[in-house]
C-alpha atoms as a PDB file:
ATOM      1  CA  MET A   1      62.013 -82.679  60.129  1.00  0.00           C
ATOM      2  CA  THR A   2      64.220 -83.595  63.066  1.00  0.00           C
ATOM      3  CA  THR A   3      61.373 -84.318  65.502  1.00  0.00           C
ATOM      4  CA  SER A   4      60.789 -88.029  66.131  1.00  0.00           C
ATOM      5  CA  ALA A   5      58.015 -89.665  64.121  1.00  0.00           C
ATOM      6  CA  PRO A   6      55.858 -90.564  67.173  1.00  0.00           C
ATOM      7  CA  ARG A   7      55.880 -86.935  68.349  1.00  0.00           C
ATOM      8  CA  ILE A   8      54.980 -85.709  64.865  1.00  0.00           C
ATOM      9  CA  LEU A   9      52.100 -88.173  64.608  1.00  0.00           C
ATOM     10  CA  LEU A  10      50.803 -87.283  68.068  1.00  0.00           C
ATOM     11  CA  ALA A  11      50.992 -83.570  67.287  1.00  0.00           C
ATOM     12  CA  GLU A  12      49.101 -84.006  64.031  1.00  0.00           C
ATOM     13  CA  PHE A  13      46.455 -86.157  65.712  1.00  0.00           C
ATOM     14  CA  LEU A  14      45.905 -83.736  68.595  1.00  0.00           C
ATOM     15  CA  GLY A  15      46.132 -80.630  66.444  1.00  0.00           C
ATOM     16  CA  THR A  16      43.619 -81.824  63.869  1.00  0.00           C
ATOM     17  CA  ALA A  17      41.297 -83.035  66.626  1.00  0.00           C
ATOM     18  CA  ALA A  18      41.450 -79.620  68.262  1.00  0.00           C
ATOM     19  CA  LEU A  19      40.822 -77.891  64.931  1.00  0.00           C
ATOM     20  CA  LEU A  20      37.637 -79.869  64.310  1.00  0.00           C
ATOM     21  CA  THR A  21      36.504 -79.311  67.884  1.00  0.00           C
ATOM     22  CA  VAL A  22      36.836 -75.577  67.278  1.00  0.00           C
ATOM     23  CA  VAL A  23      35.126 -75.654  63.867  1.00  0.00           C
ATOM     24  CA  VAL A  24      32.173 -77.824  64.873  1.00  0.00           C
ATOM     25  CA  GLY A  25      31.797 -76.535  68.417  1.00  0.00           C
ATOM     26  CA  SER A  26      31.905 -72.843  67.500  1.00  0.00           C
ATOM     27  CA  GLY A  27      29.578 -73.412  64.559  1.00  0.00           C
ATOM     28  CA  HIS A  28      27.018 -75.111  66.762  1.00  0.00           C
ATOM     29  CA  MET A  29      27.333 -72.526  69.542  1.00  0.00           C
ATOM     30  CA  GLY A  30      27.024 -69.689  67.047  1.00  0.00           C
ATOM     31  CA  GLU A  31      23.950 -71.245  65.467  1.00  0.00           C
ATOM     32  CA  MET A  32      22.282 -71.753  68.861  1.00  0.00           C
ATOM     33  CA  LEU A  33      22.912 -68.168  69.972  1.00  0.00           C
ATOM     34  CA  ALA A  34      22.219 -66.467  66.639  1.00  0.00           C
ATOM     35  CA  GLY A  35      18.466 -67.026  66.770  1.00  0.00           C
ATOM     36  CA  GLY A  36      18.283 -67.997  63.117  1.00  0.00           C
ATOM     37  CA  ASN A  37      20.640 -65.247  61.893  1.00  0.00           C
ATOM     38  CA  GLY A  38      23.061 -67.120  59.640  1.00  0.00           C
ATOM     39  CA  ALA A  39      25.423 -64.161  59.306  1.00  0.00           C
ATOM     40  CA  ILE A  40      25.999 -64.007  63.062  1.00  0.00           C
ATOM     41  CA  ALA A  41      26.527 -67.767  63.221  1.00  0.00           C
ATOM     42  CA  LEU A  42      29.078 -67.591  60.398  1.00  0.00           C
ATOM     43  CA  LEU A  43      30.822 -64.634  62.027  1.00  0.00           C
ATOM     44  CA  ALA A  44      31.208 -66.564  65.287  1.00  0.00           C
ATOM     45  CA  ASN A  45      32.408 -69.650  63.414  1.00  0.00           C
ATOM     46  CA  SER A  46      34.952 -67.750  61.314  1.00  0.00           C
ATOM     47  CA  ILE A  47      36.422 -65.794  64.224  1.00  0.00           C
ATOM     48  CA  ALA A  48      36.767 -68.899  66.395  1.00  0.00           C
ATOM     49  CA  THR A  49      38.317 -70.917  63.563  1.00  0.00           C
ATOM     50  CA  GLY A  50      40.823 -68.200  62.683  1.00  0.00           C
ATOM     51  CA  LEU A  51      41.890 -67.746  66.293  1.00  0.00           C
ATOM     52  CA  GLY A  52      41.991 -71.507  66.800  1.00  0.00           C
ATOM     53  CA  LEU A  53      44.264 -71.986  63.811  1.00  0.00           C
ATOM     54  CA  TRP A  54      46.629 -69.280  65.037  1.00  0.00           C
ATOM     55  CA  TRP A  55      46.838 -70.938  68.462  1.00  0.00           C
ATOM     56  CA  LEU A  56      47.323 -74.441  67.046  1.00  0.00           C
ATOM     57  CA  ILE A  57      49.969 -73.489  64.474  1.00  0.00           C
ATOM     58  CA  VAL A  58      52.042 -71.648  67.089  1.00  0.00           C
ATOM     59  CA  LEU A  59      51.650 -74.547  69.513  1.00  0.00           C
ATOM     60  CA  PHE A  60      52.319 -77.502  67.219  1.00  0.00           C
ATOM     61  CA  GLY A  61      54.378 -75.853  64.463  1.00  0.00           C
ATOM     62  CA  PRO A  62      57.744 -76.553  66.143  1.00  0.00           C
ATOM     63  CA  ILE A  63      56.804 -80.224  66.573  1.00  0.00           C
ATOM     64  CA  SER A  64      55.164 -81.308  63.312  1.00  0.00           C
ATOM     65  CA  GLY A  65      54.942 -78.192  61.179  1.00  0.00           C
ATOM     66  CA  ALA A  66      51.258 -77.919  62.163  1.00  0.00           C
ATOM     67  CA  GLN A  67      50.119 -79.449  58.889  1.00  0.00           C
ATOM     68  CA  PHE A  68      46.602 -80.554  59.942  1.00  0.00           C
ATOM     69  CA  ASN A  69      45.746 -81.019  56.245  1.00  0.00           C
ATOM     70  CA  PRO A  70      46.571 -83.942  53.899  1.00  0.00           C
ATOM     71  CA  LEU A  71      47.258 -81.490  51.073  1.00  0.00           C
ATOM     72  CA  VAL A  72      49.865 -79.638  53.136  1.00  0.00           C
ATOM     73  CA  THR A  73      51.408 -83.003  53.993  1.00  0.00           C
ATOM     74  CA  ALA A  74      51.441 -83.908  50.281  1.00  0.00           C
ATOM     75  CA  PHE A  75      53.212 -80.638  49.507  1.00  0.00           C
ATOM     76  CA  LEU A  76      55.909 -81.404  52.087  1.00  0.00           C
ATOM     77  CA  LEU A  77      56.287 -84.880  50.573  1.00  0.00           C
ATOM     78  CA  ILE A  78      56.701 -83.427  47.080  1.00  0.00           C
ATOM     79  CA  GLU A  79      59.264 -80.937  48.401  1.00  0.00           C
ATOM     80  CA  GLY A  80      61.256 -83.788  49.946  1.00  0.00           C
ATOM     81  CA  GLU A  81      60.655 -82.642  53.528  1.00  0.00           C
ATOM     82  CA  LEU A  82      58.830 -85.854  54.486  1.00  0.00           C
ATOM     83  CA  ARG A  83      59.374 -89.548  53.763  1.00  0.00           C
ATOM     84  CA  ALA A  84      56.473 -91.275  52.017  1.00  0.00           C
ATOM     85  CA  GLY A  85      55.789 -93.680  54.882  1.00  0.00           C
ATOM     86  CA  LEU A  86      55.675 -90.917  57.453  1.00  0.00           C
ATOM     87  CA  ALA A  87      53.498 -88.760  55.183  1.00  0.00           C
ATOM     88  CA  PHE A  88      50.898 -91.506  54.836  1.00  0.00           C
ATOM     89  CA  ALA A  89      50.925 -92.078  58.589  1.00  0.00           C
ATOM     90  CA  ILE A  90      50.431 -88.353  59.191  1.00  0.00           C
ATOM     91  CA  VAL A  91      47.415 -88.273  56.866  1.00  0.00           C
ATOM     92  CA  ALA A  92      45.914 -91.213  58.747  1.00  0.00           C
ATOM     93  CA  MET A  93      46.429 -89.389  62.062  1.00  0.00           C
ATOM     94  CA  GLN A  94      44.864 -86.241  60.635  1.00  0.00           C
ATOM     95  CA  CYS A  95      41.748 -88.132  59.560  1.00  0.00           C
ATOM     96  CA  LEU A  96      41.446 -89.963  62.880  1.00  0.00           C
ATOM     97  CA  GLY A  97      42.035 -86.760  64.796  1.00  0.00           C
ATOM     98  CA  ALA A  98      39.398 -84.952  62.753  1.00  0.00           C
ATOM     99  CA  MET A  99      36.832 -87.622  63.598  1.00  0.00           C
ATOM    100  CA  LEU A 100      37.736 -87.397  67.277  1.00  0.00           C
ATOM    101  CA  GLY A 101      37.340 -83.622  67.152  1.00  0.00           C
ATOM    102  CA  VAL A 102      33.797 -83.930  65.812  1.00  0.00           C
ATOM    103  CA  ALA A 103      32.917 -86.452  68.543  1.00  0.00           C
ATOM    104  CA  LEU A 104      34.401 -84.226  71.253  1.00  0.00           C
ATOM    105  CA  ALA A 105      32.454 -81.178  70.074  1.00  0.00           C
ATOM    106  CA  HIS A 106      29.245 -83.211  69.952  1.00  0.00           C
ATOM    107  CA  ALA A 107      29.855 -84.647  73.425  1.00  0.00           C
ATOM    108  CA  MET A 108      30.296 -81.174  74.937  1.00  0.00           C
ATOM    109  CA  PHE A 109      26.910 -80.123  73.572  1.00  0.00           C
ATOM    110  CA  GLY A 110      25.128 -83.337  74.530  1.00  0.00           C
ATOM    111  CA  LEU A 111      24.792 -84.598  70.957  1.00  0.00           C
ATOM    112  CA  PRO A 112      25.418 -88.118  69.602  1.00  0.00           C
ATOM    113  CA  LEU A 113      29.127 -88.583  68.961  1.00  0.00           C
ATOM    114  CA  TRP A 114      28.651 -88.834  65.209  1.00  0.00           C
ATOM    115  CA  MET A 115      25.657 -88.060  62.995  1.00  0.00           C
ATOM    116  CA  ALA A 116      25.346 -88.347  59.224  1.00  0.00           C
ATOM    117  CA  GLY A 117      25.611 -84.871  57.740  1.00  0.00           C
ATOM    118  CA  THR A 118      22.494 -83.510  56.051  1.00  0.00           C
ATOM    119  CA  THR A 119      23.629 -80.125  54.707  1.00  0.00           C
ATOM    120  CA  VAL A 120      23.522 -80.149  50.893  1.00  0.00           C
ATOM    121  CA  ARG A 121      26.728 -78.730  49.432  1.00  0.00           C
ATOM    122  CA  SER A 122      26.719 -79.644  45.760  1.00  0.00           C
ATOM    123  CA  SER A 123      26.958 -77.149  42.898  1.00  0.00           C
ATOM    124  CA  PRO A 124      29.558 -75.934  40.388  1.00  0.00           C
ATOM    125  CA  GLY A 125      29.893 -72.698  42.345  1.00  0.00           C
ATOM    126  CA  LEU A 126      30.750 -74.564  45.542  1.00  0.00           C
ATOM    127  CA  TRP A 127      33.274 -76.759  43.742  1.00  0.00           C
ATOM    128  CA  LEU A 128      34.931 -73.703  42.210  1.00  0.00           C
ATOM    129  CA  SER A 129      34.887 -72.116  45.656  1.00  0.00           C
ATOM    130  CA  GLU A 130      36.748 -75.078  47.176  1.00  0.00           C
ATOM    131  CA  CYS A 131      39.307 -74.942  44.367  1.00  0.00           C
ATOM    132  CA  VAL A 132      39.890 -71.227  44.989  1.00  0.00           C
ATOM    133  CA  ALA A 133      39.902 -71.615  48.784  1.00  0.00           C
ATOM    134  CA  THR A 134      42.456 -74.429  48.711  1.00  0.00           C
ATOM    135  CA  CYS A 135      44.660 -72.715  46.154  1.00  0.00           C
ATOM    136  CA  GLY A 136      44.744 -69.603  48.311  1.00  0.00           C
ATOM    137  CA  LEU A 137      45.462 -71.534  51.482  1.00  0.00           C
ATOM    138  CA  LEU A 138      48.342 -73.501  49.973  1.00  0.00           C
ATOM    139  CA  LEU A 139      49.831 -70.377  48.393  1.00  0.00           C
ATOM    140  CA  THR A 140      49.582 -68.601  51.736  1.00  0.00           C
ATOM    141  CA  ILE A 141      51.483 -71.418  53.428  1.00  0.00           C
ATOM    142  CA  VAL A 142      54.074 -71.964  50.686  1.00  0.00           C
ATOM    143  CA  LEU A 143      54.889 -68.301  50.087  1.00  0.00           C
ATOM    144  CA  GLY A 144      54.634 -67.478  53.781  1.00  0.00           C
ATOM    145  CA  ARG A 145      57.139 -70.195  54.724  1.00  0.00           C
ATOM    146  CA  ARG A 146      59.529 -68.836  52.110  1.00  0.00           C
ATOM    147  CA  GLN A 147      59.216 -65.107  52.793  1.00  0.00           C
ATOM    148  CA  SER A 148      58.172 -64.723  56.439  1.00  0.00           C
ATOM    149  CA  PRO A 149      58.111 -68.017  58.375  1.00  0.00           C
ATOM    150  CA  ASN A 150      57.304 -66.425  61.727  1.00  0.00           C
ATOM    151  CA  ALA A 151      54.188 -64.817  60.248  1.00  0.00           C
ATOM    152  CA  VAL A 152      52.668 -68.076  58.944  1.00  0.00           C
ATOM    153  CA  PRO A 153      50.325 -68.646  61.932  1.00  0.00           C
ATOM    154  CA  ALA A 154      48.829 -65.179  61.539  1.00  0.00           C
ATOM    155  CA  LEU A 155      48.735 -65.430  57.750  1.00  0.00           C
ATOM    156  CA  VAL A 156      46.846 -68.732  57.784  1.00  0.00           C
ATOM    157  CA  ALA A 157      44.452 -67.521  60.476  1.00  0.00           C
ATOM    158  CA  ALA A 158      43.759 -64.310  58.576  1.00  0.00           C
ATOM    159  CA  TYR A 159      43.281 -66.117  55.272  1.00  0.00           C
ATOM    160  CA  ILE A 160      40.837 -68.694  56.628  1.00  0.00           C
ATOM    161  CA  GLY A 161      38.926 -66.039  58.549  1.00  0.00           C
ATOM    162  CA  ALA A 162      38.529 -64.065  55.331  1.00  0.00           C
ATOM    163  CA  ALA A 163      37.851 -67.120  53.152  1.00  0.00           C
ATOM    164  CA  TYR A 164      34.894 -68.100  55.317  1.00  0.00           C
ATOM    165  CA  TRP A 165      33.269 -64.989  53.888  1.00  0.00           C
ATOM    166  CA  PHE A 166      34.528 -64.580  50.331  1.00  0.00           C
ATOM    167  CA  THR A 167      33.951 -68.211  49.276  1.00  0.00           C
ATOM    168  CA  SER A 168      30.472 -69.655  48.820  1.00  0.00           C
ATOM    169  CA  SER A 169      31.540 -72.941  50.444  1.00  0.00           C
ATOM    170  CA  THR A 170      32.937 -71.207  53.564  1.00  0.00           C
ATOM    171  CA  SER A 171      36.376 -72.599  52.747  1.00  0.00           C
ATOM    172  CA  PHE A 172      36.688 -76.201  53.895  1.00  0.00           C
ATOM    173  CA  ALA A 173      40.004 -76.415  51.952  1.00  0.00           C
ATOM    174  CA  ASN A 174      41.054 -79.639  53.684  1.00  0.00           C
ATOM    175  CA  PRO A 175      40.126 -83.253  52.800  1.00  0.00           C
ATOM    176  CA  ALA A 176      40.393 -84.524  56.396  1.00  0.00           C
ATOM    177  CA  VAL A 177      38.212 -81.680  57.661  1.00  0.00           C
ATOM    178  CA  THR A 178      35.713 -82.250  54.855  1.00  0.00           C
ATOM    179  CA  LEU A 179      35.387 -85.957  55.597  1.00  0.00           C
ATOM    180  CA  ALA A 180      34.940 -85.384  59.331  1.00  0.00           C
ATOM    181  CA  ARG A 181      32.316 -82.691  58.767  1.00  0.00           C
ATOM    182  CA  ALA A 182      30.208 -85.311  56.973  1.00  0.00           C
ATOM    183  CA  PHE A 183      29.554 -86.787  60.429  1.00  0.00           C
ATOM    184  CA  THR A 184      27.830 -83.788  61.973  1.00  0.00           C
ATOM    185  CA  THR A 185      24.381 -82.301  61.435  1.00  0.00           C
ATOM    186  CA  THR A 186      25.451 -79.014  63.001  1.00  0.00           C
ATOM    187  CA  PHE A 187      26.182 -75.713  61.257  1.00  0.00           C
ATOM    188  CA  ALA A 188      29.493 -77.109  59.943  1.00  0.00           C
ATOM    189  CA  GLY A 189      28.031 -80.239  58.333  1.00  0.00           C
ATOM    190  CA  ILE A 190      28.067 -81.604  54.791  1.00  0.00           C
ATOM    191  CA  ARG A 191      26.418 -84.668  53.261  1.00  0.00           C
ATOM    192  CA  LEU A 192      28.791 -87.604  52.825  1.00  0.00           C
ATOM    193  CA  ILE A 193      27.709 -87.897  49.184  1.00  0.00           C
ATOM    194  CA  ASP A 194      28.991 -84.361  48.564  1.00  0.00           C
ATOM    195  CA  VAL A 195      32.459 -85.027  50.004  1.00  0.00           C
ATOM    196  CA  PRO A 196      34.166 -86.602  46.931  1.00  0.00           C
ATOM    197  CA  ALA A 197      33.476 -83.598  44.683  1.00  0.00           C
ATOM    198  CA  PHE A 198      34.713 -81.239  47.404  1.00  0.00           C
ATOM    199  CA  VAL A 199      37.923 -83.234  47.817  1.00  0.00           C
ATOM    200  CA  LEU A 200      38.503 -83.373  44.056  1.00  0.00           C
ATOM    201  CA  ALA A 201      38.098 -79.597  43.877  1.00  0.00           C
ATOM    202  CA  GLN A 202      40.513 -79.196  46.785  1.00  0.00           C
ATOM    203  CA  ILE A 203      43.118 -81.386  45.080  1.00  0.00           C
ATOM    204  CA  THR A 204      42.720 -79.329  41.902  1.00  0.00           C
ATOM    205  CA  GLY A 205      43.243 -76.144  43.889  1.00  0.00           C
ATOM    206  CA  ALA A 206      46.336 -77.581  45.569  1.00  0.00           C
ATOM    207  CA  LEU A 207      47.865 -78.543  42.215  1.00  0.00           C
ATOM    208  CA  LEU A 208      47.170 -75.056  40.900  1.00  0.00           C
ATOM    209  CA  ALA A 209      48.822 -73.564  43.995  1.00  0.00           C
ATOM    210  CA  LEU A 210      51.887 -75.749  43.495  1.00  0.00           C
ATOM    211  CA  ALA A 211      52.193 -74.598  39.869  1.00  0.00           C
ATOM    212  CA  LEU A 212      51.777 -70.945  40.835  1.00  0.00           C
ATOM    213  CA  ALA A 213      54.273 -71.242  43.687  1.00  0.00           C
ATOM    214  CA  ARG A 214      56.866 -72.651  41.313  1.00  0.00           C
ATOM    215  CA  ALA A 215      56.169 -69.903  38.787  1.00  0.00           C
ATOM    216  CA  LEU A 216      56.631 -67.277  41.508  1.00  0.00           C
ATOM    217  CA  ARG A 217      59.787 -68.842  42.890  1.00  0.00           C
ATOM    218  CA  ALA A 218      62.786 -66.578  42.345  1.00  0.00           C
ATOM    219  CA  PRO A 219      65.311 -68.041  39.882  1.00  0.00           C
ATOM    220  CA  VAL A 220      68.659 -69.174  41.262  1.00  0.00           C
ATOM    221  CA  ALA A 221      71.258 -66.507  40.610  1.00  0.00           C
ATOM    222  CA  ALA A 222      73.921 -67.453  38.091  1.00  0.00           C
ATOM    223  CA  ARG A 223      77.344 -68.122  39.566  1.00  0.00           C
END
């Protein structure tokens, strides 16, 4: 990346903060307006998150690549597109930004800035779901960047919007997002004790995506 490190870090901080504001805020608004109908709340949450991702990737993509996810940052590190020091700093900014996003969403709805999550998300099906969700997300990004870079914002938005519905976990697929969502009791929340298993499943899914992406990579033509 040719963008200066401070600009990259600021973009990742602001972008991840905005993403969590969208996720938590839309989830809470949807839950309040749905009158107990979980399907309507999830529909509102998924549409807002998909649109938010599209907006954020277009906005911050030219600055930082719009990573907003430690696993995407790890992929760029493995591919040699990021230095290790910068990659670690980006992950730190993503986590801090995610926490700020939760606090901002809470503040807009008159809630305490952070609250310990109470939603139980712990079962083999949910762990498998996070593995599948993360594998799909990383493949979407990796193959999209290779085949149709300009379509990546729409591809990611469409994938996450769909994955909210076809995965039992509603597709967290992001360690920074998962950690931050442990500090909200709203629709988007998760218990802190359930976070490590989710993150392990996400890492497994990312490794699977990396292996599949390499298997699908076209061989270099012989000279």
